[in-house]
Protein backbone atom coordinates (compact mmCIF):
# COMPACT_ATOMS: atom_id res chain seq x y z
CA MET A 1 87.08 24.62 243.96
CA ASP A 2 83.91 22.19 244.99
CA LEU A 3 84.99 18.62 243.81
CA GLN A 4 81.44 18.01 243.03
CA GLN A 5 81.80 20.22 239.98
CA LEU A 6 84.42 17.72 238.75
CA ARG A 7 82.05 15.06 237.93
CA ALA A 8 80.36 13.72 234.46
CA SER A 9 78.99 10.61 233.48
CA HIS A 10 77.26 9.50 230.42
CA ALA A 11 74.98 6.47 229.62
CA ALA A 12 74.28 4.54 226.43
CA VAL A 13 71.93 1.79 225.50
CA ILE A 14 73.94 -0.88 223.77
CA ALA A 15 72.15 -3.39 221.69
CA ALA A 16 74.23 -6.49 222.97
CA ASP A 17 74.25 -9.05 225.44
CA PRO A 18 75.18 -7.97 228.74
CA GLU A 19 77.46 -10.84 229.42
CA ASP A 20 79.41 -10.04 226.28
CA LEU A 21 79.55 -6.44 227.41
CA TYR A 22 80.56 -7.11 230.81
CA ASN A 23 83.53 -9.37 229.46
CA MET A 24 84.55 -6.30 227.27
CA VAL A 25 84.40 -3.76 229.97
CA SER A 26 86.20 -5.87 232.72
CA ASP A 27 89.16 -6.95 230.41
CA ILE A 28 90.82 -3.61 231.11
CA THR A 29 93.90 -4.68 228.57
CA ARG A 30 91.26 -3.78 225.94
CA THR A 31 90.34 -0.20 227.11
CA GLY A 32 92.36 1.54 224.61
CA GLU A 33 90.32 -0.08 221.80
CA TRP A 34 87.76 2.31 222.93
CA SER A 35 89.06 5.24 224.90
CA PRO A 36 90.58 8.25 223.37
CA VAL A 37 92.69 8.75 226.50
CA CYS A 38 93.32 5.14 227.95
CA THR A 39 95.81 3.24 225.85
CA GLY A 40 95.39 -0.09 227.86
CA GLY A 41 96.05 -1.60 231.16
CA GLN A 42 97.71 -4.41 232.80
CA TRP A 43 96.68 -6.57 235.73
CA ASP A 44 99.03 -6.85 238.64
CA GLU A 45 100.13 -10.46 239.20
CA GLY A 46 97.30 -12.86 240.23
CA ALA A 47 94.75 -10.03 240.06
CA ALA A 48 91.32 -10.32 237.96
CA PRO A 49 88.37 -8.39 237.65
CA ARG A 50 87.13 -9.22 241.23
CA PRO A 51 86.76 -6.63 244.09
CA GLY A 52 89.96 -5.41 245.67
CA SER A 53 92.06 -6.34 242.80
CA TRP A 54 94.79 -3.64 241.46
CA PHE A 55 95.95 -2.82 237.64
CA THR A 56 97.87 -0.27 236.15
CA GLY A 57 96.16 1.69 233.59
CA ARG A 58 98.21 3.45 230.45
CA ASN A 59 96.99 6.87 229.03
CA LYS A 60 98.09 9.48 226.56
CA ALA A 61 96.44 12.86 225.73
CA GLY A 62 98.78 14.51 222.99
CA THR A 63 102.21 14.17 223.92
CA TYR A 64 101.65 13.78 227.58
CA GLU A 65 101.67 9.92 228.73
CA TRP A 66 100.89 8.70 232.28
CA THR A 67 99.92 5.70 234.31
CA THR A 68 97.39 5.16 237.00
CA ARG A 69 96.84 2.76 240.04
CA CYS A 70 93.55 1.37 239.77
CA GLN A 71 91.54 -0.79 242.24
CA VAL A 72 88.52 -2.54 241.32
CA THR A 73 85.61 -1.51 243.54
CA VAL A 74 82.67 -3.96 242.07
CA ALA A 75 82.71 -6.99 239.69
CA SER A 76 79.52 -8.63 239.51
CA HIS A 77 80.04 -10.66 236.21
CA GLY A 78 77.28 -9.73 233.63
CA HIS A 79 76.17 -6.56 235.62
CA ASP A 80 78.60 -4.20 236.98
CA PHE A 81 82.34 -3.42 236.95
CA GLY A 82 83.67 -0.38 238.51
CA PHE A 83 87.20 0.72 239.63
CA VAL A 84 88.74 3.66 241.45
CA VAL A 85 91.92 5.38 240.41
CA GLY A 86 94.27 5.72 243.26
CA GLY A 87 92.28 2.93 244.96
CA ALA A 88 89.25 2.89 247.11
CA ALA A 89 88.87 5.15 250.25
CA ASP A 90 88.59 3.51 253.54
CA GLY A 91 84.78 2.60 253.19
CA THR A 92 82.27 1.80 250.66
CA LEU A 93 81.17 4.43 248.09
CA VAL A 94 77.21 4.29 248.15
CA THR A 95 75.17 5.87 245.21
CA GLU A 96 71.50 6.45 245.26
CA SER A 97 70.34 7.55 241.98
CA TRP A 98 66.98 9.03 240.58
CA GLU A 99 66.03 9.70 237.04
CA VAL A 100 62.80 10.49 235.09
CA LEU A 101 62.34 7.99 232.38
CA ARG A 102 58.79 9.05 231.68
CA ILE A 103 56.29 11.66 232.85
CA VAL A 104 53.13 10.44 234.49
CA PRO A 105 50.23 12.93 235.39
CA HIS A 106 50.68 12.98 239.36
CA MET A 107 54.32 14.27 238.57
CA GLY A 108 53.59 17.82 237.89
CA GLU A 109 52.23 19.70 234.96
CA THR A 110 54.98 22.34 234.44
CA ASP A 111 58.70 22.31 234.21
CA ASP A 112 58.84 24.33 237.33
CA GLN A 113 57.04 21.74 239.13
CA LEU A 114 59.29 19.03 237.83
CA LEU A 115 62.20 20.93 238.93
CA ALA A 116 61.02 21.20 242.19
CA LEU A 117 60.27 17.73 242.41
CA ARG A 118 63.95 17.07 241.32
CA ASP A 119 65.16 19.54 244.09
CA ARG A 120 62.85 17.65 246.66
CA THR A 121 64.29 14.36 245.48
CA GLN A 122 68.04 15.35 245.47
CA ALA A 123 67.61 16.56 249.09
CA ASN A 124 65.83 13.20 250.19
CA LEU A 125 68.71 11.40 248.45
CA GLU A 126 71.15 13.35 250.44
CA ALA A 127 69.28 12.73 253.57
CA THR A 128 68.74 9.09 253.14
CA LEU A 129 72.57 8.51 252.50
CA GLN A 130 73.41 10.59 255.42
CA ALA A 131 71.37 8.64 257.69
CA LEU A 132 72.73 5.30 256.29
CA LYS A 133 76.18 6.72 257.01
CA ASP A 134 75.22 7.69 260.55
CA ALA A 135 73.77 4.39 261.39
CA ALA A 136 76.53 2.33 259.55
CA GLU A 137 79.37 4.43 261.29
CA ALA A 138 77.84 4.18 264.77
CA ALA A 139 79.39 1.58 267.28
CA ASP A 140 76.59 -0.87 266.74
CA PRO A 141 74.80 -0.17 263.50
CA ARG A 142 72.26 -2.84 263.88
CA PRO A 143 68.59 -1.41 264.33
CA SER A 144 67.15 -0.95 267.61
CA GLY A 145 63.52 -0.71 268.87
CA PRO A 146 60.31 -2.42 268.29
CA GLY A 147 60.82 -5.47 265.63
CA SER A 148 64.29 -5.09 265.28
CA PRO A 149 66.56 -8.49 265.83
CA THR A 150 67.77 -9.29 269.48
CA ARG A 151 71.37 -8.41 270.16
CA SER A 152 73.45 -10.84 271.47
């Protein structure tokens, strides 16, 4: 199975202060208050909501209970908090997103035109991240050519 098929996301606009929401979400001990599966979590000794920190999440679905080891990948107070079950891979996950929030005349008149725009944009996102990956994983990822910083 293609693991790309095993993704889900949902977004909601919440009428609350971003700082308050960040404090709620980054307090992994409280996740069980909202989640139908996660019953809570516990930080490793000395850990806190900062990149690289580890915690153990507790989960329950029916009679099945399990724990997960999780590593914080991003923690920007008041903005972003994220973690990966099992720990981060040897690298940095980079996501580029595109979403239509309103339709403007130059985007297209028909659903087919808008879907074609989406498909072109998807291909562009993939190409952009592949080029970024290629450049960053090169022996010297700094730019070369006219206008580039001098290499020492």
